[in-house]
Amino acid sequence: MDATGPIETTETFTVADGYLVRSVVPRRGTPYQHRCTLANYQAVAYAIEDLKGGPTTLEQLAAATGLPNTQVNVAFAFLKERGCVVPAHGRRHKAASSVLFEDAMTEYHALREEAPGH
C-alpha cells in the first residue's frame, strides 16, 4: 500500500489454446500472464474436492498435487473469482459446494465458450 491507498490491479481470465490464462495488469509495473493446463486445473479441482469442505491454501494445494505453484495459483485464483471456493479463515479457502469439480468444470467451459471464434 502506498500513500494513495492499495495498489490496484486488473485481473482477467481467458481460455486460449487449451490453457486457462490469467492476465494481470498492475497499476504499476509490467503486465504479465500465467497459464494452467486443463489437466492441471482438473487436478487442483479434484484436490480441493478431496478435502470434503476442509480449508486449504495455495501452498497446501501445490504440495498435495505436486504441480508448479504458478499453475496451481492460476487455477486457485480462477476458482476464487468464480465463487467455486470461498474464504474460510485468513488465507484459507474451502469449496463453496459439495460438487466442486463439477462447478469448476462448468466455469471453465463457460469461459471457454466466451472465447472469440467459439
PDB file of N, CA and C in Angstrom:
ATOM      1  N   MET A   1       0.849  -1.171   0.000  1.00  0.00           N
ATOM      2  CA  MET A   1       0.000   0.000   0.000  1.00  0.00           C
ATOM      3  C   MET A   1       0.891   1.229   0.000  1.00  0.00           C
ATOM      4  N   ASP A   2       0.479   2.244  -0.758  1.00  0.00           N
ATOM      5  CA  ASP A   2       1.219   3.499  -0.766  1.00  0.00           C
ATOM      6  C   ASP A   2       0.359   4.586  -0.141  1.00  0.00           C
ATOM      7  N   ALA A   3       0.798   5.828  -0.247  1.00  0.00           N
ATOM      8  CA  ALA A   3       0.094   6.931   0.392  1.00  0.00           C
ATOM      9  C   ALA A   3      -1.287   7.170  -0.200  1.00  0.00           C
ATOM     10  N   THR A   4      -1.533   6.710  -1.425  1.00  0.00           N
ATOM     11  CA  THR A   4      -2.831   6.946  -2.059  1.00  0.00           C
ATOM     12  C   THR A   4      -3.781   5.766  -1.876  1.00  0.00           C
ATOM     13  N   GLY A   5      -3.357   4.719  -1.190  1.00  0.00           N
ATOM     14  CA  GLY A   5      -4.213   3.554  -0.975  1.00  0.00           C
ATOM     15  C   GLY A   5      -3.595   2.307  -1.567  1.00  0.00           C
ATOM     16  N   PRO A   6      -4.364   1.233  -1.588  1.00  0.00           N
ATOM     17  CA  PRO A   6      -3.812  -0.021  -2.099  1.00  0.00           C
ATOM     18  C   PRO A   6      -3.510   0.059  -3.587  1.00  0.00           C
ATOM     19  N   ILE A   7      -2.516  -0.710  -3.993  1.00  0.00           N
ATOM     20  CA  ILE A   7      -2.171  -0.771  -5.405  1.00  0.00           C
ATOM     21  C   ILE A   7      -3.178  -1.680  -6.090  1.00  0.00           C
ATOM     22  N   GLU A   8      -3.889  -1.140  -7.051  1.00  0.00           N
ATOM     23  CA  GLU A   8      -4.925  -1.896  -7.739  1.00  0.00           C
ATOM     24  C   GLU A   8      -4.348  -2.608  -8.947  1.00  0.00           C
ATOM     25  N   THR A   9      -4.911  -3.760  -9.226  1.00  0.00           N
ATOM     26  CA  THR A   9      -4.541  -4.491 -10.421  1.00  0.00           C
ATOM     27  C   THR A   9      -5.811  -4.895 -11.148  1.00  0.00           C
ATOM     28  N   THR A  10      -5.655  -5.133 -12.428  1.00  0.00           N
ATOM     29  CA  THR A  10      -6.742  -5.669 -13.230  1.00  0.00           C
ATOM     30  C   THR A  10      -6.366  -7.098 -13.550  1.00  0.00           C
ATOM     31  N   GLU A  11      -7.262  -8.006 -13.238  1.00  0.00           N
ATOM     32  CA  GLU A  11      -7.011  -9.422 -13.469  1.00  0.00           C
ATOM     33  C   GLU A  11      -8.144  -9.975 -14.323  1.00  0.00           C
ATOM     34  N   THR A  12      -7.781 -10.651 -15.404  1.00  0.00           N
ATOM     35  CA  THR A  12      -8.777 -11.276 -16.261  1.00  0.00           C
ATOM     36  C   THR A  12      -8.358 -12.707 -16.563  1.00  0.00           C
ATOM     37  N   PHE A  13      -9.344 -13.513 -16.910  1.00  0.00           N
ATOM     38  CA  PHE A  13      -9.098 -14.901 -17.268  1.00  0.00           C
ATOM     39  C   PHE A  13      -9.674 -15.179 -18.643  1.00  0.00           C
ATOM     40  N   THR A  14      -8.962 -15.989 -19.409  1.00  0.00           N
ATOM     41  CA  THR A  14      -9.430 -16.453 -20.712  1.00  0.00           C
ATOM     42  C   THR A  14      -8.992 -17.908 -20.869  1.00  0.00           C
ATOM     43  N   VAL A  15      -9.578 -18.567 -21.851  1.00  0.00           N
ATOM     44  CA  VAL A  15      -9.113 -19.888 -22.247  1.00  0.00           C
ATOM     45  C   VAL A  15      -8.596 -19.740 -23.666  1.00  0.00           C
ATOM     46  N   ALA A  16      -7.333 -20.108 -23.867  1.00  0.00           N
ATOM     47  CA  ALA A  16      -6.704 -19.983 -25.177  1.00  0.00           C
ATOM     48  C   ALA A  16      -5.779 -21.162 -25.414  1.00  0.00           C
ATOM     49  N   ASP A  17      -5.936 -21.789 -26.554  1.00  0.00           N
ATOM     50  CA  ASP A  17      -5.069 -22.909 -26.947  1.00  0.00           C
ATOM     51  C   ASP A  17      -5.023 -24.011 -25.893  1.00  0.00           C
ATOM     52  N   GLY A  18      -6.154 -24.251 -25.231  1.00  0.00           N
ATOM     53  CA  GLY A  18      -6.220 -25.322 -24.240  1.00  0.00           C
ATOM     54  C   GLY A  18      -5.690 -24.954 -22.869  1.00  0.00           C
ATOM     55  N   TYR A  19      -5.362 -23.691 -22.652  1.00  0.00           N
ATOM     56  CA  TYR A  19      -4.852 -23.228 -21.367  1.00  0.00           C
ATOM     57  C   TYR A  19      -5.831 -22.259 -20.725  1.00  0.00           C
ATOM     58  N   LEU A  20      -5.912 -22.311 -19.402  1.00  0.00           N
ATOM     59  CA  LEU A  20      -6.558 -21.262 -18.640  1.00  0.00           C
ATOM     60  C   LEU A  20      -5.495 -20.192 -18.458  1.00  0.00           C
ATOM     61  N   VAL A  21      -5.777 -18.970 -18.920  1.00  0.00           N
ATOM     62  CA  VAL A  21      -4.784 -17.895 -18.917  1.00  0.00           C
ATOM     63  C   VAL A  21      -5.227 -16.804 -17.944  1.00  0.00           C
ATOM     64  N   ARG A  22      -4.352 -16.472 -17.028  1.00  0.00           N
ATOM     65  CA  ARG A  22      -4.581 -15.376 -16.082  1.00  0.00           C
ATOM     66  C   ARG A  22      -3.714 -14.209 -16.529  1.00  0.00           C
ATOM     67  N   SER A  23      -4.354 -13.092 -16.883  1.00  0.00           N
ATOM     68  CA  SER A  23      -3.640 -11.886 -17.311  1.00  0.00           C
ATOM     69  C   SER A  23      -3.779 -10.837 -16.213  1.00  0.00           C
ATOM     70  N   VAL A  24      -2.678 -10.294 -15.805  1.00  0.00           N
ATOM     71  CA  VAL A  24      -2.666  -9.305 -14.729  1.00  0.00           C
ATOM     72  C   VAL A  24      -2.015  -8.027 -15.240  1.00  0.00           C
ATOM     73  N   VAL A  25      -2.702  -6.914 -15.030  1.00  0.00           N
ATOM     74  CA  VAL A  25      -2.156  -5.599 -15.355  1.00  0.00           C
ATOM     75  C   VAL A  25      -2.082  -4.822 -14.043  1.00  0.00           C
ATOM     76  N   PRO A  26      -0.872  -4.741 -13.471  1.00  0.00           N
ATOM     77  CA  PRO A  26      -0.739  -3.986 -12.227  1.00  0.00           C
ATOM     78  C   PRO A  26      -0.835  -2.489 -12.478  1.00  0.00           C
ATOM     79  N   ARG A  27      -1.221  -1.766 -11.458  1.00  0.00           N
ATOM     80  CA  ARG A  27      -1.294  -0.306 -11.584  1.00  0.00           C
ATOM     81  C   ARG A  27       0.074   0.256 -11.930  1.00  0.00           C
ATOM     82  N   ARG A  28       1.092  -0.347 -11.354  1.00  0.00           N
ATOM     83  CA  ARG A  28       2.473  -0.003 -11.683  1.00  0.00           C
ATOM     84  C   ARG A  28       3.191  -1.303 -11.995  1.00  0.00           C
ATOM     85  N   GLY A  29       4.131  -1.238 -12.873  1.00  0.00           N
ATOM     86  CA  GLY A  29       4.891  -2.431 -13.204  1.00  0.00           C
ATOM     87  C   GLY A  29       4.482  -2.992 -14.558  1.00  0.00           C
ATOM     88  N   THR A  30       4.965  -4.165 -14.830  1.00  0.00           N
ATOM     89  CA  THR A  30       4.789  -4.782 -16.135  1.00  0.00           C
ATOM     90  C   THR A  30       3.644  -5.786 -16.119  1.00  0.00           C
ATOM     91  N   PRO A  31       2.730  -5.694 -17.078  1.00  0.00           N
ATOM     92  CA  PRO A  31       1.672  -6.706 -17.177  1.00  0.00           C
ATOM     93  C   PRO A  31       2.273  -8.091 -17.420  1.00  0.00           C
ATOM     94  N   TYR A  32       1.584  -9.114 -16.961  1.00  0.00           N
ATOM     95  CA  TYR A  32       2.083 -10.473 -17.156  1.00  0.00           C
ATOM     96  C   TYR A  32       0.927 -11.445 -17.322  1.00  0.00           C
ATOM     97  N   GLN A  33       1.261 -12.622 -17.820  1.00  0.00           N
ATOM     98  CA  GLN A  33       0.295 -13.709 -17.973  1.00  0.00           C
ATOM     99  C   GLN A  33       0.912 -14.991 -17.430  1.00  0.00           C
ATOM    100  N   HIS A  34       0.059 -15.805 -16.847  1.00  0.00           N
ATOM    101  CA  HIS A  34       0.448 -17.149 -16.439  1.00  0.00           C
ATOM    102  C   HIS A  34      -0.616 -18.095 -16.972  1.00  0.00           C
ATOM    103  N   ARG A  35      -0.212 -19.326 -17.238  1.00  0.00           N
ATOM    104  CA  ARG A  35      -1.113 -20.308 -17.833  1.00  0.00           C
ATOM    105  C   ARG A  35      -1.198 -21.562 -16.971  1.00  0.00           C
ATOM    106  N   CYS A  36      -2.327 -22.261 -17.136  1.00  0.00           N
ATOM    107  CA  CYS A  36      -2.541 -23.531 -16.457  1.00  0.00           C
ATOM    108  C   CYS A  36      -3.185 -24.484 -17.460  1.00  0.00           C
ATOM    109  N   THR A  37      -2.625 -25.687 -17.584  1.00  0.00           N
ATOM    110  CA  THR A  37      -3.223 -26.665 -18.494  1.00  0.00           C
ATOM    111  C   THR A  37      -4.560 -27.135 -17.940  1.00  0.00           C
ATOM    112  N   LEU A  38      -5.408 -27.644 -18.803  1.00  0.00           N
ATOM    113  CA  LEU A  38      -6.697 -28.186 -18.365  1.00  0.00           C
ATOM    114  C   LEU A  38      -6.473 -29.342 -17.390  1.00  0.00           C
ATOM    115  N   ALA A  39      -5.518 -30.221 -17.680  1.00  0.00           N
ATOM    116  CA  ALA A  39      -5.259 -31.360 -16.798  1.00  0.00           C
ATOM    117  C   ALA A  39      -4.850 -30.891 -15.394  1.00  0.00           C
ATOM    118  N   ASN A  40      -4.029 -29.858 -15.309  1.00  0.00           N
ATOM    119  CA  ASN A  40      -3.604 -29.354 -14.009  1.00  0.00           C
ATOM    120  C   ASN A  40      -4.742 -28.624 -13.306  1.00  0.00           C
ATOM    121  N   TYR A  41      -5.568 -27.920 -14.057  1.00  0.00           N
ATOM    122  CA  TYR A  41      -6.759 -27.277 -13.487  1.00  0.00           C
ATOM    123  C   TYR A  41      -7.665 -28.341 -12.863  1.00  0.00           C
ATOM    124  N   GLN A  42      -7.873 -29.430 -13.587  1.00  0.00           N
ATOM    125  CA  GLN A  42      -8.701 -30.516 -13.073  1.00  0.00           C
ATOM    126  C   GLN A  42      -8.079 -31.119 -11.816  1.00  0.00           C
ATOM    127  N   ALA A  43      -6.759 -31.285 -11.807  1.00  0.00           N
ATOM    128  CA  ALA A  43      -6.081 -31.850 -10.635  1.00  0.00           C
ATOM    129  C   ALA A  43      -6.272 -30.968  -9.403  1.00  0.00           C
ATOM    130  N   VAL A  44      -6.217 -29.655  -9.586  1.00  0.00           N
ATOM    131  CA  VAL A  44      -6.435 -28.728  -8.475  1.00  0.00           C
ATOM    132  C   VAL A  44      -7.878 -28.837  -7.989  1.00  0.00           C
ATOM    133  N   ALA A  45      -8.824 -28.885  -8.906  1.00  0.00           N
ATOM    134  CA  ALA A  45     -10.232 -29.012  -8.520  1.00  0.00           C
ATOM    135  C   ALA A  45     -10.481 -30.308  -7.749  1.00  0.00           C
ATOM    136  N   TYR A  46      -9.913 -31.410  -8.226  1.00  0.00           N
ATOM    137  CA  TYR A  46     -10.053 -32.684  -7.506  1.00  0.00           C
ATOM    138  C   TYR A  46      -9.425 -32.612  -6.119  1.00  0.00           C
ATOM    139  N   ALA A  47      -8.259 -31.970  -6.014  1.00  0.00           N
ATOM    140  CA  ALA A  47      -7.584 -31.859  -4.714  1.00  0.00           C
ATOM    141  C   ALA A  47      -8.439 -31.085  -3.713  1.00  0.00           C
ATOM    142  N   ILE A  48      -9.087 -30.030  -4.163  1.00  0.00           N
ATOM    143  CA  ILE A  48      -9.955 -29.256  -3.271  1.00  0.00           C
ATOM    144  C   ILE A  48     -11.177 -30.085  -2.906  1.00  0.00           C
ATOM    145  N   GLU A  49     -11.755 -30.757  -3.878  1.00  0.00           N
ATOM    146  CA  GLU A  49     -12.939 -31.581  -3.613  1.00  0.00           C
ATOM    147  C   GLU A  49     -12.610 -32.710  -2.632  1.00  0.00           C
ATOM    148  N   ASP A  50     -11.416 -33.278  -2.743  1.00  0.00           N
ATOM    149  CA  ASP A  50     -10.995 -34.365  -1.846  1.00  0.00           C
ATOM    150  C   ASP A  50     -10.936 -33.926  -0.383  1.00  0.00           C
ATOM    151  N   LEU A  51     -10.858 -32.630  -0.144  1.00  0.00           N
ATOM    152  CA  LEU A  51     -10.808 -32.124   1.228  1.00  0.00           C
ATOM    153  C   LEU A  51     -12.177 -32.167   1.906  1.00  0.00           C
ATOM    154  N   LYS A  52     -13.226 -32.457   1.145  1.00  0.00           N
ATOM    155  CA  LYS A  52     -14.595 -32.588   1.666  1.00  0.00           C
ATOM    156  C   LYS A  52     -15.008 -31.402   2.540  1.00  0.00           C
ATOM    157  N   GLY A  53     -14.773 -30.201   2.016  1.00  0.00           N
ATOM    158  CA  GLY A  53     -15.187 -28.995   2.724  1.00  0.00           C
ATOM    159  C   GLY A  53     -14.127 -28.409   3.635  1.00  0.00           C
ATOM    160  N   GLY A  54     -13.006 -29.099   3.781  1.00  0.00           N
ATOM    161  CA  GLY A  54     -11.934 -28.582   4.630  1.00  0.00           C
ATOM    162  C   GLY A  54     -11.204 -27.446   3.943  1.00  0.00           C
ATOM    163  N   PRO A  55     -10.692 -26.501   4.713  1.00  0.00           N
ATOM    164  CA  PRO A  55      -9.992 -25.351   4.123  1.00  0.00           C
ATOM    165  C   PRO A  55      -8.586 -25.715   3.657  1.00  0.00           C
ATOM    166  N   THR A  56      -8.077 -24.935   2.719  1.00  0.00           N
ATOM    167  CA  THR A  56      -6.738 -25.153   2.193  1.00  0.00           C
ATOM    168  C   THR A  56      -6.133 -23.825   1.752  1.00  0.00           C
ATOM    169  N   THR A  57      -4.834 -23.862   1.495  1.00  0.00           N
ATOM    170  CA  THR A  57      -4.108 -22.696   0.988  1.00  0.00           C
ATOM    171  C   THR A  57      -3.455 -23.067  -0.340  1.00  0.00           C
ATOM    172  N   LEU A  58      -2.980 -22.060  -1.031  1.00  0.00           N
ATOM    173  CA  LEU A  58      -2.251 -22.268  -2.279  1.00  0.00           C
ATOM    174  C   LEU A  58      -1.068 -23.207  -2.058  1.00  0.00           C
ATOM    175  N   GLU A  59      -0.314 -22.965  -1.015  1.00  0.00           N
ATOM    176  CA  GLU A  59       0.871 -23.779  -0.732  1.00  0.00           C
ATOM    177  C   GLU A  59       0.497 -25.236  -0.475  1.00  0.00           C
ATOM    178  N   GLN A  60      -0.583 -25.463   0.246  1.00  0.00           N
ATOM    179  CA  GLN A  60      -1.020 -26.832   0.522  1.00  0.00           C
ATOM    180  C   GLN A  60      -1.479 -27.532  -0.763  1.00  0.00           C
ATOM    181  N   LEU A  61      -2.149 -26.801  -1.637  1.00  0.00           N
ATOM    182  CA  LEU A  61      -2.589 -27.392  -2.901  1.00  0.00           C
ATOM    183  C   LEU A  61      -1.399 -27.746  -3.785  1.00  0.00           C
ATOM    184  N   ALA A  62      -0.410 -26.871  -3.833  1.00  0.00           N
ATOM    185  CA  ALA A  62       0.776 -27.153  -4.643  1.00  0.00           C
ATOM    186  C   ALA A  62       1.488 -28.395  -4.108  1.00  0.00           C
ATOM    187  N   ALA A  63       1.596 -28.507  -2.793  1.00  0.00           N
ATOM    188  CA  ALA A  63       2.255 -29.671  -2.197  1.00  0.00           C
ATOM    189  C   ALA A  63       1.443 -30.945  -2.442  1.00  0.00           C
ATOM    190  N   ALA A  64       0.125 -30.851  -2.307  1.00  0.00           N
ATOM    191  CA  ALA A  64      -0.729 -32.029  -2.471  1.00  0.00           C
ATOM    192  C   ALA A  64      -0.755 -32.540  -3.901  1.00  0.00           C
ATOM    193  N   THR A  65      -0.693 -31.626  -4.860  1.00  0.00           N
ATOM    194  CA  THR A  65      -0.782 -32.027  -6.267  1.00  0.00           C
ATOM    195  C   THR A  65       0.576 -32.273  -6.901  1.00  0.00           C
ATOM    196  N   GLY A  66       1.625 -31.666  -6.344  1.00  0.00           N
ATOM    197  CA  GLY A  66       2.951 -31.774  -6.942  1.00  0.00           C
ATOM    198  C   GLY A  66       3.098 -30.956  -8.212  1.00  0.00           C
ATOM    199  N   LEU A  67       2.167 -30.043  -8.434  1.00  0.00           N
ATOM    200  CA  LEU A  67       2.174 -29.207  -9.637  1.00  0.00           C
ATOM    201  C   LEU A  67       2.947 -27.920  -9.392  1.00  0.00           C
ATOM    202  N   PRO A  68       3.389 -27.257 -10.472  1.00  0.00           N
ATOM    203  CA  PRO A  68       4.078 -25.970 -10.315  1.00  0.00           C
ATOM    204  C   PRO A  68       3.170 -24.940  -9.636  1.00  0.00           C
ATOM    205  N   ASN A  69       3.752 -24.176  -8.709  1.00  0.00           N
ATOM    206  CA  ASN A  69       2.988 -23.156  -7.984  1.00  0.00           C
ATOM    207  C   ASN A  69       2.247 -22.213  -8.915  1.00  0.00           C
ATOM    208  N   THR A  70       2.887 -21.826 -10.007  1.00  0.00           N
ATOM    209  CA  THR A  70       2.271 -20.875 -10.924  1.00  0.00           C
ATOM    210  C   THR A  70       0.962 -21.432 -11.481  1.00  0.00           C
ATOM    211  N   GLN A  71       0.955 -22.691 -11.889  1.00  0.00           N
ATOM    212  CA  GLN A  71      -0.259 -23.268 -12.454  1.00  0.00           C
ATOM    213  C   GLN A  71      -1.336 -23.452 -11.382  1.00  0.00           C
ATOM    214  N   VAL A  72      -0.933 -23.863 -10.195  1.00  0.00           N
ATOM    215  CA  VAL A  72      -1.891 -24.000  -9.095  1.00  0.00           C
ATOM    216  C   VAL A  72      -2.480 -22.627  -8.764  1.00  0.00           C
ATOM    217  N   ASN A  73      -1.657 -21.596  -8.779  1.00  0.00           N
ATOM    218  CA  ASN A  73      -2.116 -20.243  -8.477  1.00  0.00           C
ATOM    219  C   ASN A  73      -3.145 -19.770  -9.499  1.00  0.00           C
ATOM    220  N   VAL A  74      -2.920 -20.038 -10.768  1.00  0.00           N
ATOM    221  CA  VAL A  74      -3.880 -19.648 -11.809  1.00  0.00           C
ATOM    222  C   VAL A  74      -5.219 -20.347 -11.559  1.00  0.00           C
ATOM    223  N   ALA A  75      -5.172 -21.656 -11.330  1.00  0.00           N
ATOM    224  CA  ALA A  75      -6.403 -22.415 -11.098  1.00  0.00           C
ATOM    225  C   ALA A  75      -7.122 -21.924  -9.850  1.00  0.00           C
ATOM    226  N   PHE A  76      -6.392 -21.750  -8.765  1.00  0.00           N
ATOM    227  CA  PHE A  76      -6.980 -21.330  -7.493  1.00  0.00           C
ATOM    228  C   PHE A  76      -7.584 -19.931  -7.604  1.00  0.00           C
ATOM    229  N   ALA A  77      -6.877 -19.017  -8.265  1.00  0.00           N
ATOM    230  CA  ALA A  77      -7.392 -17.649  -8.445  1.00  0.00           C
ATOM    231  C   ALA A  77      -8.680 -17.658  -9.257  1.00  0.00           C
ATOM    232  N   PHE A  78      -8.731 -18.470 -10.308  1.00  0.00           N
ATOM    233  CA  PHE A  78      -9.943 -18.559 -11.122  1.00  0.00           C
ATOM    234  C   PHE A  78     -11.095 -19.141 -10.311  1.00  0.00           C
ATOM    235  N   LEU A  79     -10.837 -20.175  -9.540  1.00  0.00           N
ATOM    236  CA  LEU A  79     -11.886 -20.784  -8.720  1.00  0.00           C
ATOM    237  C   LEU A  79     -12.407 -19.789  -7.679  1.00  0.00           C
ATOM    238  N   LYS A  80     -11.525 -18.958  -7.140  1.00  0.00           N
ATOM    239  CA  LYS A  80     -11.962 -17.922  -6.196  1.00  0.00           C
ATOM    240  C   LYS A  80     -12.804 -16.875  -6.912  1.00  0.00           C
ATOM    241  N   GLU A  81     -12.332 -16.417  -8.074  1.00  0.00           N
ATOM    242  CA  GLU A  81     -13.053 -15.386  -8.808  1.00  0.00           C
ATOM    243  C   GLU A  81     -14.456 -15.844  -9.188  1.00  0.00           C
ATOM    244  N   ARG A  82     -14.600 -17.094  -9.546  1.00  0.00           N
ATOM    245  CA  ARG A  82     -15.886 -17.637  -9.982  1.00  0.00           C
ATOM    246  C   ARG A  82     -16.758 -18.129  -8.833  1.00  0.00           C
ATOM    247  N   GLY A  83     -16.280 -17.998  -7.607  1.00  0.00           N
ATOM    248  CA  GLY A  83     -17.083 -18.366  -6.453  1.00  0.00           C
ATOM    249  C   GLY A  83     -17.142 -19.860  -6.172  1.00  0.00           C
ATOM    250  N   CYS A  84     -16.270 -20.631  -6.804  1.00  0.00           N
ATOM    251  CA  CYS A  84     -16.237 -22.079  -6.560  1.00  0.00           C
ATOM    252  C   CYS A  84     -15.594 -22.387  -5.213  1.00  0.00           C
ATOM    253  N   VAL A  85     -14.679 -21.532  -4.794  1.00  0.00           N
ATOM    254  CA  VAL A  85     -14.105 -21.620  -3.454  1.00  0.00           C
ATOM    255  C   VAL A  85     -14.342 -20.281  -2.770  1.00  0.00           C
ATOM    256  N   VAL A  86     -14.532 -20.353  -1.459  1.00  0.00           N
ATOM    257  CA  VAL A  86     -14.858 -19.155  -0.682  1.00  0.00           C
ATOM    258  C   VAL A  86     -13.905 -19.045   0.499  1.00  0.00           C
ATOM    259  N   PRO A  87     -13.717 -17.829   1.019  1.00  0.00           N
ATOM    260  CA  PRO A  87     -12.833 -17.669   2.167  1.00  0.00           C
ATOM    261  C   PRO A  87     -13.303 -18.509   3.357  1.00  0.00           C
ATOM    262  N   ALA A  88     -12.336 -19.100   4.057  1.00  0.00           N
ATOM    263  CA  ALA A  88     -12.648 -19.881   5.259  1.00  0.00           C
ATOM    264  C   ALA A  88     -12.085 -19.172   6.489  1.00  0.00           C
ATOM    265  N   HIS A  89     -10.799 -18.850   6.453  1.00  0.00           N
ATOM    266  CA  HIS A  89     -10.156 -18.146   7.559  1.00  0.00           C
ATOM    267  C   HIS A  89      -8.770 -17.731   7.102  1.00  0.00           C
ATOM    268  N   GLY A  90      -8.463 -16.462   7.232  1.00  0.00           N
ATOM    269  CA  GLY A  90      -7.154 -15.980   6.801  1.00  0.00           C
ATOM    270  C   GLY A  90      -6.950 -16.227   5.315  1.00  0.00           C
ATOM    271  N   ARG A  91      -5.850 -16.896   4.977  1.00  0.00           N
ATOM    272  CA  ARG A  91      -5.550 -17.193   3.569  1.00  0.00           C
ATOM    273  C   ARG A  91      -6.181 -18.503   3.104  1.00  0.00           C
ATOM    274  N   ARG A  92      -6.905 -19.136   3.957  1.00  0.00           N
ATOM    275  CA  ARG A  92      -7.518 -20.423   3.631  1.00  0.00           C
ATOM    276  C   ARG A  92      -8.856 -20.228   2.909  1.00  0.00           C
ATOM    277  N   HIS A  93      -9.108 -21.145   1.992  1.00  0.00           N
ATOM    278  CA  HIS A  93     -10.376 -21.161   1.268  1.00  0.00           C
ATOM    279  C   HIS A  93     -10.913 -22.582   1.273  1.00  0.00           C
ATOM    280  N   LYS A  94     -12.217 -22.711   1.050  1.00  0.00           N
ATOM    281  CA  LYS A  94     -12.833 -24.030   1.001  1.00  0.00           C
ATOM    282  C   LYS A  94     -13.822 -24.077  -0.148  1.00  0.00           C
ATOM    283  N   ALA A  95     -14.205 -25.280  -0.529  1.00  0.00           N
ATOM    284  CA  ALA A  95     -15.170 -25.452  -1.612  1.00  0.00           C
ATOM    285  C   ALA A  95     -16.488 -24.797  -1.230  1.00  0.00           C
ATOM    286  N   ALA A  96     -17.116 -24.158  -2.195  1.00  0.00           N
ATOM    287  CA  ALA A  96     -18.394 -23.492  -1.946  1.00  0.00           C
ATOM    288  C   ALA A  96     -19.562 -24.482  -1.985  1.00  0.00           C
ATOM    289  N   SER A  97     -19.317 -25.677  -2.530  1.00  0.00           N
ATOM    290  CA  SER A  97     -20.375 -26.688  -2.591  1.00  0.00           C
ATOM    291  C   SER A  97     -19.747 -28.074  -2.482  1.00  0.00           C
ATOM    292  N   SER A  98     -20.584 -29.075  -2.409  1.00  0.00           N
ATOM    293  CA  SER A  98     -20.089 -30.456  -2.312  1.00  0.00           C
ATOM    294  C   SER A  98     -19.746 -31.034  -3.677  1.00  0.00           C
ATOM    295  N   VAL A  99     -19.983 -30.267  -4.733  1.00  0.00           N
ATOM    296  CA  VAL A  99     -19.675 -30.721  -6.095  1.00  0.00           C
ATOM    297  C   VAL A  99     -18.691 -29.756  -6.753  1.00  0.00           C
ATOM    298  N   LEU A 100     -17.587 -29.520  -6.060  1.00  0.00           N
ATOM    299  CA  LEU A 100     -16.599 -28.543  -6.519  1.00  0.00           C
ATOM    300  C   LEU A 100     -16.086 -28.865  -7.916  1.00  0.00           C
ATOM    301  N   PHE A 101     -15.764 -30.116  -8.198  1.00  0.00           N
ATOM    302  CA  PHE A 101     -15.212 -30.440  -9.505  1.00  0.00           C
ATOM    303  C   PHE A 101     -16.187 -30.070 -10.621  1.00  0.00           C
ATOM    304  N   GLU A 102     -17.448 -30.418 -10.465  1.00  0.00           N
ATOM    305  CA  GLU A 102     -18.451 -30.087 -11.482  1.00  0.00           C
ATOM    306  C   GLU A 102     -18.606 -28.579 -11.626  1.00  0.00           C
ATOM    307  N   ASP A 103     -18.605 -27.861 -10.509  1.00  0.00           N
ATOM    308  CA  ASP A 103     -18.684 -26.396 -10.565  1.00  0.00           C
ATOM    309  C   ASP A 103     -17.481 -25.819 -11.305  1.00  0.00           C
ATOM    310  N   ALA A 104     -16.302 -26.349 -11.002  1.00  0.00           N
ATOM    311  CA  ALA A 104     -15.070 -25.868 -11.634  1.00  0.00           C
ATOM    312  C   ALA A 104     -15.114 -26.087 -13.137  1.00  0.00           C
ATOM    313  N   MET A 105     -15.572 -27.258 -13.559  1.00  0.00           N
ATOM    314  CA  MET A 105     -15.609 -27.553 -14.986  1.00  0.00           C
ATOM    315  C   MET A 105     -16.675 -26.716 -15.697  1.00  0.00           C
ATOM    316  N   THR A 106     -17.791 -26.481 -15.042  1.00  0.00           N
ATOM    317  CA  THR A 106     -18.827 -25.615 -15.617  1.00  0.00           C
ATOM    318  C   THR A 106     -18.262 -24.227 -15.870  1.00  0.00           C
ATOM    319  N   GLU A 107     -17.555 -23.686 -14.895  1.00  0.00           N
ATOM    320  CA  GLU A 107     -16.981 -22.344 -15.037  1.00  0.00           C
ATOM    321  C   GLU A 107     -15.903 -22.305 -16.118  1.00  0.00           C
ATOM    322  N   TYR A 108     -15.070 -23.339 -16.177  1.00  0.00           N
ATOM    323  CA  TYR A 108     -14.018 -23.393 -17.200  1.00  0.00           C
ATOM    324  C   TYR A 108     -14.650 -23.400 -18.600  1.00  0.00           C
ATOM    325  N   HIS A 109     -15.629 -24.265 -18.806  1.00  0.00           N
ATOM    326  CA  HIS A 109     -16.223 -24.378 -20.133  1.00  0.00           C
ATOM    327  C   HIS A 109     -17.072 -23.152 -20.491  1.00  0.00           C
ATOM    328  N   ALA A 110     -17.686 -22.522 -19.489  1.00  0.00           N
ATOM    329  CA  ALA A 110     -18.402 -21.276 -19.764  1.00  0.00           C
ATOM    330  C   ALA A 110     -17.436 -20.210 -20.251  1.00  0.00           C
ATOM    331  N   LEU A 111     -16.271 -20.125 -19.607  1.00  0.00           N
ATOM    332  CA  LEU A 111     -15.262 -19.164 -20.038  1.00  0.00           C
ATOM    333  C   LEU A 111     -14.740 -19.514 -21.432  1.00  0.00           C
ATOM    334  N   ARG A 112     -14.507 -20.790 -21.680  1.00  0.00           N
ATOM    335  CA  ARG A 112     -14.009 -21.230 -22.996  1.00  0.00           C
ATOM    336  C   ARG A 112     -15.001 -20.859 -24.083  1.00  0.00           C
ATOM    337  N   GLU A 113     -16.299 -20.982 -23.799  1.00  0.00           N
ATOM    338  CA  GLU A 113     -17.331 -20.642 -24.781  1.00  0.00           C
ATOM    339  C   GLU A 113     -17.356 -19.156 -25.107  1.00  0.00           C
ATOM    340  N   GLU A 114     -16.877 -18.329 -24.173  1.00  0.00           N
ATOM    341  CA  GLU A 114     -16.828 -16.874 -24.404  1.00  0.00           C
ATOM    342  C   GLU A 114     -15.705 -16.480 -25.340  1.00  0.00           C
ATOM    343  N   ALA A 115     -14.759 -17.382 -25.567  1.00  0.00           N
ATOM    344  CA  ALA A 115     -13.577 -17.083 -26.392  1.00  0.00           C
ATOM    345  C   ALA A 115     -13.973 -16.751 -27.813  1.00  0.00           C
ATOM    346  N   PRO A 116     -13.289 -15.790 -28.430  1.00  0.00           N
ATOM    347  CA  PRO A 116     -13.566 -15.449 -29.818  1.00  0.00           C
ATOM    348  C   PRO A 116     -13.385 -16.676 -30.727  1.00  0.00           C
ATOM    349  N   GLY A 117     -14.242 -16.783 -31.699  1.00  0.00           N
ATOM    350  CA  GLY A 117     -14.157 -17.889 -32.650  1.00  0.00           C
ATOM    351  C   GLY A 117     -14.741 -19.174 -32.128  1.00  0.00           C
ATOM    352  N   HIS A 118     -15.436 -19.108 -31.010  1.00  0.00           N
ATOM    353  CA  HIS A 118     -16.031 -20.308 -30.459  1.00  0.00           C
ATOM    354  C   HIS A 118     -17.521 -20.320 -30.586  1.00  0.00           C
TER     355      HIS A 118
END
